[in-house]
Amino acid sequence: MNFFQHIQSKIVTLPELLDRLQQLRSQGAPVVVFTNGCFDLVHQGHVDYLSRARDLGDLLVVGLNSDASVRRLKGEERPISHQNSRAHVLAAFECVDFVVLFDDDTPLRLIESVVPDVLVKGGDYDRATVVGADFVEQHGGRLELIPLVPGESTTRMVERMRQ
């Protein structure tokens, strides 16, 4: 399998993801880490965040907001990068095992389907504002908040480009 095929194999639909997780879990119960986001313009903060998230378990699943979802959350001028491009960039990271697109405004249905062992969000959240935290904890998992890299954000990048 060449590198492009390897990247492609990491971008999955929800049914494909659930099948692969079931296979992996039947072979020895890996610790599944889940995070989600828009990942519109990938920057140093994303690299740090994703690598630290992956260190919390055996495999990292990234729920990626679809273009329509990003527009609803961030406004009509976003996303900058198309969902397929964003998915390929994320899948190219060695620390990312699976990328799955979702169209909802929140990842709750995705989290309830995946049932991760560890739910990860950035340090700009607190436990009360993390969608799915209660569900994950009720199923024996835990929430981890990863500190942000100061000064790194997609919104800030977009603002700098407009100046």
N, C-alpha and C. Protein backbone atom coordinates (compact mmCIF):
# COMPACT_ATOMS: atom_id res chain seq x y z
N MET A 1 0.85 -1.17 0.00
CA MET A 1 0.00 0.00 0.00
C MET A 1 0.90 1.24 0.00
N ASN A 2 0.67 2.13 -0.95
CA ASN A 2 1.47 3.37 -0.97
C ASN A 2 0.91 4.36 0.06
N PHE A 3 1.63 5.47 0.22
CA PHE A 3 1.25 6.44 1.26
C PHE A 3 -0.14 7.02 1.02
N PHE A 4 -0.47 7.35 -0.22
CA PHE A 4 -1.79 7.90 -0.52
C PHE A 4 -2.89 6.89 -0.16
N GLN A 5 -2.69 5.63 -0.50
CA GLN A 5 -3.67 4.61 -0.16
C GLN A 5 -3.80 4.46 1.36
N HIS A 6 -2.67 4.58 2.04
CA HIS A 6 -2.67 4.50 3.51
C HIS A 6 -3.51 5.64 4.09
N ILE A 7 -3.33 6.85 3.57
CA ILE A 7 -4.12 8.00 4.02
C ILE A 7 -5.60 7.73 3.74
N GLN A 8 -5.90 7.31 2.53
CA GLN A 8 -7.29 7.04 2.14
C GLN A 8 -7.94 6.01 3.07
N SER A 9 -7.18 5.02 3.49
CA SER A 9 -7.74 3.95 4.32
C SER A 9 -8.12 4.44 5.72
N LYS A 10 -7.60 5.58 6.12
CA LYS A 10 -7.91 6.13 7.43
C LYS A 10 -9.18 6.98 7.43
N ILE A 11 -9.64 7.40 6.26
CA ILE A 11 -10.85 8.21 6.14
C ILE A 11 -12.01 7.25 5.92
N VAL A 12 -12.90 7.19 6.92
CA VAL A 12 -13.93 6.15 6.92
C VAL A 12 -15.31 6.74 7.17
N THR A 13 -16.31 6.00 6.75
CA THR A 13 -17.69 6.33 7.11
C THR A 13 -17.94 5.80 8.51
N LEU A 14 -19.02 6.21 9.12
CA LEU A 14 -19.33 5.72 10.46
C LEU A 14 -19.50 4.19 10.48
N PRO A 15 -20.26 3.60 9.55
CA PRO A 15 -20.37 2.13 9.57
C PRO A 15 -19.00 1.44 9.41
N GLU A 16 -18.13 1.98 8.55
CA GLU A 16 -16.79 1.40 8.39
C GLU A 16 -16.00 1.52 9.68
N LEU A 17 -16.09 2.69 10.31
CA LEU A 17 -15.38 2.90 11.58
C LEU A 17 -15.84 1.91 12.63
N LEU A 18 -17.15 1.76 12.78
CA LEU A 18 -17.68 0.86 13.79
C LEU A 18 -17.26 -0.58 13.53
N ASP A 19 -17.23 -0.99 12.27
CA ASP A 19 -16.76 -2.34 11.91
C ASP A 19 -15.30 -2.52 12.32
N ARG A 20 -14.47 -1.55 11.97
CA ARG A 20 -13.05 -1.66 12.27
C ARG A 20 -12.79 -1.62 13.78
N LEU A 21 -13.52 -0.78 14.49
CA LEU A 21 -13.36 -0.75 15.94
C LEU A 21 -13.80 -2.07 16.57
N GLN A 22 -14.88 -2.63 16.07
CA GLN A 22 -15.34 -3.92 16.59
C GLN A 22 -14.28 -5.00 16.36
N GLN A 23 -13.67 -5.01 15.17
CA GLN A 23 -12.60 -5.98 14.89
C GLN A 23 -11.43 -5.79 15.84
N LEU A 24 -11.01 -4.54 16.01
CA LEU A 24 -9.87 -4.25 16.88
C LEU A 24 -10.18 -4.59 18.33
N ARG A 25 -11.37 -4.25 18.77
CA ARG A 25 -11.75 -4.54 20.16
C ARG A 25 -11.83 -6.05 20.39
N SER A 26 -12.28 -6.80 19.40
CA SER A 26 -12.37 -8.25 19.56
C SER A 26 -10.99 -8.90 19.63
N GLN A 27 -9.98 -8.19 19.18
CA GLN A 27 -8.61 -8.70 19.20
C GLN A 27 -7.83 -8.27 20.44
N GLY A 28 -8.47 -7.51 21.34
CA GLY A 28 -7.73 -7.17 22.53
C GLY A 28 -8.03 -5.84 23.17
N ALA A 29 -9.17 -5.26 22.97
CA ALA A 29 -9.63 -4.08 23.67
C ALA A 29 -8.64 -2.92 23.69
N PRO A 30 -8.38 -2.30 22.55
CA PRO A 30 -7.51 -1.13 22.55
C PRO A 30 -8.20 0.05 23.25
N VAL A 31 -7.41 0.96 23.79
CA VAL A 31 -7.95 2.17 24.38
C VAL A 31 -8.23 3.15 23.24
N VAL A 32 -9.51 3.45 23.02
CA VAL A 32 -9.94 4.31 21.92
C VAL A 32 -10.06 5.74 22.44
N VAL A 33 -9.33 6.64 21.79
CA VAL A 33 -9.37 8.07 22.10
C VAL A 33 -10.17 8.74 21.00
N PHE A 34 -11.05 9.66 21.38
CA PHE A 34 -11.87 10.38 20.42
C PHE A 34 -11.74 11.88 20.65
N THR A 35 -11.59 12.60 19.55
CA THR A 35 -11.70 14.05 19.59
C THR A 35 -12.43 14.49 18.34
N ASN A 36 -12.80 15.75 18.31
CA ASN A 36 -13.51 16.25 17.13
C ASN A 36 -13.20 17.73 16.94
N GLY A 37 -13.51 18.20 15.75
CA GLY A 37 -13.34 19.61 15.46
C GLY A 37 -13.46 19.90 13.98
N CYS A 38 -13.26 21.18 13.66
CA CYS A 38 -13.33 21.64 12.27
C CYS A 38 -11.99 21.46 11.56
N PHE A 39 -10.89 21.69 12.27
CA PHE A 39 -9.53 21.55 11.72
C PHE A 39 -9.44 22.21 10.34
N ASP A 40 -9.85 23.46 10.30
CA ASP A 40 -9.96 24.18 9.03
C ASP A 40 -8.60 24.52 8.44
N LEU A 41 -7.79 25.23 9.16
CA LEU A 41 -6.42 25.52 8.74
C LEU A 41 -5.52 24.93 9.82
N VAL A 42 -4.87 23.84 9.50
CA VAL A 42 -4.08 23.13 10.50
C VAL A 42 -2.83 23.93 10.84
N HIS A 43 -2.57 24.06 12.15
CA HIS A 43 -1.44 24.84 12.64
C HIS A 43 -0.73 24.08 13.76
N GLN A 44 0.29 24.68 14.32
CA GLN A 44 1.09 24.05 15.37
C GLN A 44 0.23 23.58 16.54
N GLY A 45 -0.77 24.36 16.90
CA GLY A 45 -1.64 23.97 18.00
C GLY A 45 -2.36 22.65 17.72
N HIS A 46 -2.80 22.45 16.48
CA HIS A 46 -3.45 21.19 16.11
C HIS A 46 -2.47 20.03 16.19
N VAL A 47 -1.26 20.24 15.69
CA VAL A 47 -0.25 19.19 15.71
C VAL A 47 0.02 18.75 17.14
N ASP A 48 0.22 19.70 18.03
CA ASP A 48 0.47 19.41 19.45
C ASP A 48 -0.74 18.69 20.05
N TYR A 49 -1.92 19.22 19.81
CA TYR A 49 -3.15 18.67 20.37
C TYR A 49 -3.37 17.22 19.94
N LEU A 50 -3.26 16.96 18.64
CA LEU A 50 -3.51 15.61 18.14
C LEU A 50 -2.47 14.61 18.63
N SER A 51 -1.22 15.01 18.66
CA SER A 51 -0.19 14.08 19.13
C SER A 51 -0.36 13.79 20.62
N ARG A 52 -0.72 14.79 21.40
CA ARG A 52 -0.96 14.58 22.83
C ARG A 52 -2.22 13.74 23.06
N ALA A 53 -3.22 13.93 22.23
CA ALA A 53 -4.43 13.12 22.34
C ALA A 53 -4.11 11.65 22.06
N ARG A 54 -3.34 11.40 21.04
CA ARG A 54 -2.99 10.01 20.67
C ARG A 54 -2.20 9.33 21.77
N ASP A 55 -1.39 10.08 22.49
CA ASP A 55 -0.60 9.52 23.59
C ASP A 55 -1.47 9.00 24.74
N LEU A 56 -2.75 9.34 24.74
CA LEU A 56 -3.65 8.93 25.82
C LEU A 56 -4.27 7.55 25.60
N GLY A 57 -3.96 6.91 24.47
CA GLY A 57 -4.54 5.60 24.20
C GLY A 57 -3.83 4.87 23.09
N ASP A 58 -4.50 3.84 22.58
CA ASP A 58 -3.92 3.00 21.54
C ASP A 58 -4.26 3.45 20.13
N LEU A 59 -5.38 4.16 19.98
CA LEU A 59 -5.72 4.68 18.66
C LEU A 59 -6.57 5.93 18.81
N LEU A 60 -6.43 6.81 17.82
CA LEU A 60 -7.12 8.11 17.85
C LEU A 60 -8.11 8.20 16.71
N VAL A 61 -9.37 8.46 17.07
CA VAL A 61 -10.44 8.70 16.11
C VAL A 61 -10.73 10.20 16.14
N VAL A 62 -10.72 10.82 14.95
CA VAL A 62 -11.03 12.24 14.84
C VAL A 62 -12.36 12.40 14.11
N GLY A 63 -13.33 12.97 14.82
CA GLY A 63 -14.60 13.34 14.20
C GLY A 63 -14.43 14.70 13.56
N LEU A 64 -14.65 14.79 12.27
CA LEU A 64 -14.41 16.02 11.51
C LEU A 64 -15.73 16.62 11.07
N ASN A 65 -15.98 17.87 11.48
CA ASN A 65 -17.20 18.56 11.05
C ASN A 65 -17.22 18.68 9.54
N SER A 66 -18.37 18.35 8.93
CA SER A 66 -18.55 18.53 7.49
C SER A 66 -18.54 20.02 7.16
N ASP A 67 -18.44 20.33 5.88
CA ASP A 67 -18.48 21.73 5.45
C ASP A 67 -19.76 22.42 5.92
N ALA A 68 -20.89 21.74 5.76
CA ALA A 68 -22.17 22.35 6.17
C ALA A 68 -22.19 22.61 7.67
N SER A 69 -21.67 21.69 8.44
CA SER A 69 -21.61 21.86 9.88
C SER A 69 -20.71 23.03 10.27
N VAL A 70 -19.56 23.14 9.62
CA VAL A 70 -18.64 24.26 9.90
C VAL A 70 -19.32 25.59 9.59
N ARG A 71 -20.01 25.67 8.46
CA ARG A 71 -20.70 26.92 8.10
C ARG A 71 -21.72 27.30 9.16
N ARG A 72 -22.46 26.33 9.66
CA ARG A 72 -23.45 26.62 10.70
C ARG A 72 -22.78 27.10 11.99
N LEU A 73 -21.62 26.54 12.29
CA LEU A 73 -20.94 26.89 13.55
C LEU A 73 -20.09 28.15 13.44
N LYS A 74 -19.45 28.37 12.28
CA LYS A 74 -18.45 29.44 12.15
C LYS A 74 -18.86 30.57 11.23
N GLY A 75 -19.93 30.39 10.45
CA GLY A 75 -20.36 31.43 9.53
C GLY A 75 -20.12 31.05 8.08
N GLU A 76 -20.72 31.81 7.19
CA GLU A 76 -20.71 31.50 5.76
C GLU A 76 -19.33 31.55 5.10
N GLU A 77 -18.38 32.26 5.70
CA GLU A 77 -17.05 32.35 5.09
C GLU A 77 -16.17 31.15 5.45
N ARG A 78 -16.65 30.27 6.26
CA ARG A 78 -15.88 29.10 6.67
C ARG A 78 -16.63 27.86 6.21
N PRO A 79 -15.96 26.78 5.96
CA PRO A 79 -14.53 26.58 6.15
C PRO A 79 -13.72 27.16 4.99
N ILE A 80 -12.46 27.34 5.25
CA ILE A 80 -11.52 27.77 4.21
C ILE A 80 -11.19 26.57 3.33
N SER A 81 -10.93 25.44 3.95
CA SER A 81 -10.58 24.21 3.24
C SER A 81 -11.78 23.28 3.19
N HIS A 82 -11.98 22.63 2.03
CA HIS A 82 -13.07 21.69 1.82
C HIS A 82 -12.90 20.47 2.74
N GLN A 83 -14.01 19.84 3.10
CA GLN A 83 -13.97 18.72 4.04
C GLN A 83 -13.07 17.58 3.56
N ASN A 84 -13.03 17.30 2.27
CA ASN A 84 -12.15 16.23 1.79
C ASN A 84 -10.68 16.59 1.98
N SER A 85 -10.35 17.84 1.74
CA SER A 85 -8.98 18.31 1.96
C SER A 85 -8.62 18.22 3.43
N ARG A 86 -9.51 18.69 4.29
CA ARG A 86 -9.26 18.65 5.73
C ARG A 86 -9.10 17.21 6.21
N ALA A 87 -9.93 16.31 5.70
CA ALA A 87 -9.84 14.90 6.09
C ALA A 87 -8.50 14.30 5.67
N HIS A 88 -8.04 14.61 4.46
CA HIS A 88 -6.76 14.08 3.98
C HIS A 88 -5.58 14.61 4.80
N VAL A 89 -5.63 15.89 5.14
CA VAL A 89 -4.55 16.46 5.95
C VAL A 89 -4.49 15.75 7.31
N LEU A 90 -5.63 15.58 7.95
CA LEU A 90 -5.66 14.91 9.25
C LEU A 90 -5.20 13.46 9.14
N ALA A 91 -5.65 12.77 8.10
CA ALA A 91 -5.29 11.36 7.93
C ALA A 91 -3.79 11.18 7.65
N ALA A 92 -3.14 12.23 7.16
CA ALA A 92 -1.70 12.14 6.90
C ALA A 92 -0.87 12.13 8.18
N PHE A 93 -1.47 12.57 9.28
CA PHE A 93 -0.76 12.55 10.56
C PHE A 93 -0.60 11.11 11.04
N GLU A 94 0.61 10.75 11.42
CA GLU A 94 0.86 9.41 11.93
C GLU A 94 0.04 9.13 13.19
N CYS A 95 -0.20 10.14 14.00
CA CYS A 95 -0.92 9.95 15.27
C CYS A 95 -2.41 9.74 15.09
N VAL A 96 -2.95 10.01 13.91
CA VAL A 96 -4.39 9.86 13.66
C VAL A 96 -4.64 8.50 13.01
N ASP A 97 -5.52 7.71 13.62
CA ASP A 97 -5.82 6.38 13.09
C ASP A 97 -7.04 6.36 12.18
N PHE A 98 -8.05 7.17 12.53
CA PHE A 98 -9.26 7.23 11.72
C PHE A 98 -9.81 8.65 11.71
N VAL A 99 -10.36 9.04 10.56
CA VAL A 99 -11.07 10.31 10.41
C VAL A 99 -12.46 9.97 9.90
N VAL A 100 -13.47 10.49 10.59
CA VAL A 100 -14.85 10.26 10.17
C VAL A 100 -15.58 11.60 10.15
N LEU A 101 -16.21 11.89 9.03
CA LEU A 101 -16.97 13.14 8.90
C LEU A 101 -18.32 13.01 9.60
N PHE A 102 -18.77 14.13 10.16
CA PHE A 102 -20.13 14.17 10.70
C PHE A 102 -20.76 15.50 10.35
N ASP A 103 -22.08 15.47 10.16
CA ASP A 103 -22.80 16.64 9.68
C ASP A 103 -23.61 17.36 10.75
N ASP A 104 -23.68 16.77 11.94
CA ASP A 104 -24.43 17.39 13.03
C ASP A 104 -23.67 18.60 13.57
N ASP A 105 -24.37 19.43 14.34
CA ASP A 105 -23.71 20.57 14.97
C ASP A 105 -22.84 20.15 16.14
N THR A 106 -23.16 19.01 16.75
CA THR A 106 -22.33 18.48 17.84
C THR A 106 -21.97 17.03 17.49
N PRO A 107 -20.93 16.52 18.12
CA PRO A 107 -20.52 15.14 17.84
C PRO A 107 -21.22 14.10 18.72
N LEU A 108 -22.29 14.47 19.42
CA LEU A 108 -22.88 13.56 20.40
C LEU A 108 -23.27 12.21 19.80
N ARG A 109 -23.97 12.20 18.69
CA ARG A 109 -24.38 10.92 18.09
C ARG A 109 -23.16 10.08 17.70
N LEU A 110 -22.13 10.73 17.23
CA LEU A 110 -20.90 10.03 16.87
C LEU A 110 -20.24 9.44 18.12
N ILE A 111 -20.15 10.22 19.18
CA ILE A 111 -19.57 9.74 20.44
C ILE A 111 -20.37 8.56 20.98
N GLU A 112 -21.69 8.65 20.91
CA GLU A 112 -22.53 7.56 21.40
C GLU A 112 -22.36 6.30 20.56
N SER A 113 -22.02 6.44 19.29
CA SER A 113 -21.77 5.28 18.43
C SER A 113 -20.40 4.66 18.69
N VAL A 114 -19.40 5.50 18.85
CA VAL A 114 -18.02 5.04 19.03
C VAL A 114 -17.78 4.50 20.44
N VAL A 115 -18.38 5.12 21.44
CA VAL A 115 -18.18 4.80 22.86
C VAL A 115 -16.68 4.78 23.18
N PRO A 116 -16.03 5.95 23.09
CA PRO A 116 -14.58 6.00 23.33
C PRO A 116 -14.24 5.80 24.80
N ASP A 117 -13.01 5.36 25.03
CA ASP A 117 -12.50 5.23 26.39
C ASP A 117 -12.03 6.57 26.93
N VAL A 118 -11.56 7.42 26.01
CA VAL A 118 -11.07 8.74 26.39
C VAL A 118 -11.65 9.75 25.41
N LEU A 119 -12.27 10.78 25.94
CA LEU A 119 -12.79 11.89 25.14
C LEU A 119 -11.87 13.07 25.39
N VAL A 120 -11.38 13.69 24.32
CA VAL A 120 -10.39 14.76 24.44
C VAL A 120 -10.92 16.04 23.81
N LYS A 121 -10.72 17.14 24.53
CA LYS A 121 -11.00 18.47 23.99
C LYS A 121 -9.89 19.40 24.45
N GLY A 122 -9.85 20.58 23.83
CA GLY A 122 -8.84 21.56 24.16
C GLY A 122 -9.12 22.24 25.49
N GLY A 123 -8.08 22.83 26.03
CA GLY A 123 -8.14 23.50 27.32
C GLY A 123 -9.01 24.73 27.36
N ASP A 124 -9.54 25.14 26.19
CA ASP A 124 -10.48 26.26 26.19
C ASP A 124 -11.88 25.81 26.59
N TYR A 125 -12.05 24.51 26.80
CA TYR A 125 -13.31 23.95 27.29
C TYR A 125 -13.15 23.64 28.78
N ASP A 126 -14.29 23.46 29.44
CA ASP A 126 -14.28 22.87 30.78
C ASP A 126 -15.26 21.70 30.74
N ARG A 127 -15.24 20.90 31.78
CA ARG A 127 -16.05 19.68 31.77
C ARG A 127 -17.51 19.95 31.43
N ALA A 128 -18.05 21.03 31.94
CA ALA A 128 -19.47 21.35 31.74
C ALA A 128 -19.81 21.67 30.28
N THR A 129 -18.82 22.08 29.49
CA THR A 129 -19.10 22.48 28.10
C THR A 129 -18.69 21.43 27.07
N VAL A 130 -18.18 20.29 27.51
CA VAL A 130 -17.75 19.26 26.56
C VAL A 130 -18.92 18.33 26.25
N VAL A 131 -19.38 18.38 25.01
CA VAL A 131 -20.46 17.51 24.55
C VAL A 131 -19.99 16.06 24.64
N GLY A 132 -20.80 15.23 25.26
CA GLY A 132 -20.50 13.80 25.34
C GLY A 132 -19.74 13.38 26.59
N ALA A 133 -19.28 14.32 27.39
CA ALA A 133 -18.50 13.97 28.58
C ALA A 133 -19.30 13.07 29.52
N ASP A 134 -20.55 13.43 29.78
CA ASP A 134 -21.38 12.61 30.67
C ASP A 134 -21.54 11.20 30.12
N PHE A 135 -21.82 11.09 28.83
CA PHE A 135 -22.00 9.78 28.21
C PHE A 135 -20.74 8.93 28.36
N VAL A 136 -19.59 9.49 28.04
CA VAL A 136 -18.33 8.74 28.10
C VAL A 136 -18.06 8.29 29.53
N GLU A 137 -18.25 9.17 30.48
CA GLU A 137 -18.00 8.80 31.88
C GLU A 137 -18.99 7.75 32.37
N GLN A 138 -20.24 7.83 31.94
CA GLN A 138 -21.24 6.83 32.32
C GLN A 138 -20.91 5.45 31.77
N HIS A 139 -20.09 5.42 30.71
CA HIS A 139 -19.69 4.15 30.10
C HIS A 139 -18.26 3.76 30.48
N GLY A 140 -17.78 4.32 31.58
CA GLY A 140 -16.48 3.91 32.12
C GLY A 140 -15.29 4.64 31.55
N GLY A 141 -15.52 5.61 30.69
CA GLY A 141 -14.41 6.37 30.10
C GLY A 141 -14.11 7.62 30.89
N ARG A 142 -13.22 8.43 30.32
CA ARG A 142 -12.84 9.67 31.00
C ARG A 142 -12.66 10.80 30.00
N LEU A 143 -12.73 12.01 30.52
CA LEU A 143 -12.51 13.23 29.76
C LEU A 143 -11.11 13.74 30.05
N GLU A 144 -10.40 14.16 29.02
CA GLU A 144 -9.09 14.79 29.16
C GLU A 144 -9.12 16.13 28.43
N LEU A 145 -8.68 17.18 29.10
CA LEU A 145 -8.58 18.50 28.49
C LEU A 145 -7.10 18.80 28.27
N ILE A 146 -6.74 19.11 27.04
CA ILE A 146 -5.35 19.36 26.67
C ILE A 146 -5.13 20.86 26.54
N PRO A 147 -4.13 21.39 27.25
CA PRO A 147 -3.86 22.83 27.16
C PRO A 147 -3.55 23.25 25.72
N LEU A 148 -4.01 24.44 25.36
CA LEU A 148 -3.77 24.96 24.02
C LEU A 148 -2.37 25.56 23.92
N VAL A 149 -1.85 25.60 22.69
CA VAL A 149 -0.60 26.30 22.42
C VAL A 149 -0.96 27.79 22.35
N PRO A 150 -0.37 28.61 23.22
CA PRO A 150 -0.72 30.03 23.24
C PRO A 150 -0.53 30.70 21.87
N GLY A 151 -1.53 31.49 21.48
CA GLY A 151 -1.44 32.27 20.25
C GLY A 151 -1.77 31.52 18.98
N GLU A 152 -2.08 30.23 19.07
CA GLU A 152 -2.38 29.43 17.88
C GLU A 152 -3.87 29.15 17.79
N SER A 153 -4.51 29.67 16.74
CA SER A 153 -5.90 29.33 16.48
C SER A 153 -6.21 29.64 15.02
N THR A 154 -7.14 28.86 14.47
CA THR A 154 -7.54 29.09 13.09
C THR A 154 -8.19 30.45 12.94
N THR A 155 -9.03 30.82 13.90
CA THR A 155 -9.68 32.13 13.85
C THR A 155 -8.65 33.24 13.79
N ARG A 156 -7.61 33.13 14.60
CA ARG A 156 -6.54 34.14 14.59
C ARG A 156 -5.82 34.16 13.24
N MET A 157 -5.59 32.98 12.66
CA MET A 157 -4.94 32.92 11.34
C MET A 157 -5.79 33.63 10.29
N VAL A 158 -7.09 33.39 10.31
CA VAL A 158 -7.99 34.01 9.33
C VAL A 158 -7.99 35.52 9.52
N GLU A 159 -8.00 35.99 10.76
CA GLU A 159 -7.97 37.42 11.03
C GLU A 159 -6.67 38.05 10.51
N ARG A 160 -5.55 37.37 10.69
CA ARG A 160 -4.26 37.89 10.19
C ARG A 160 -4.26 37.97 8.67
N MET A 161 -4.86 36.98 7.99
CA MET A 161 -4.90 37.00 6.53
C MET A 161 -5.73 38.16 6.00
N ARG A 162 -6.73 38.58 6.75
CA ARG A 162 -7.61 39.66 6.31
C ARG A 162 -7.00 41.04 6.53
N GLN A 163 -5.95 41.13 7.33
CA GLN A 163 -5.34 42.44 7.63
C GLN A 163 -4.50 42.92 6.47
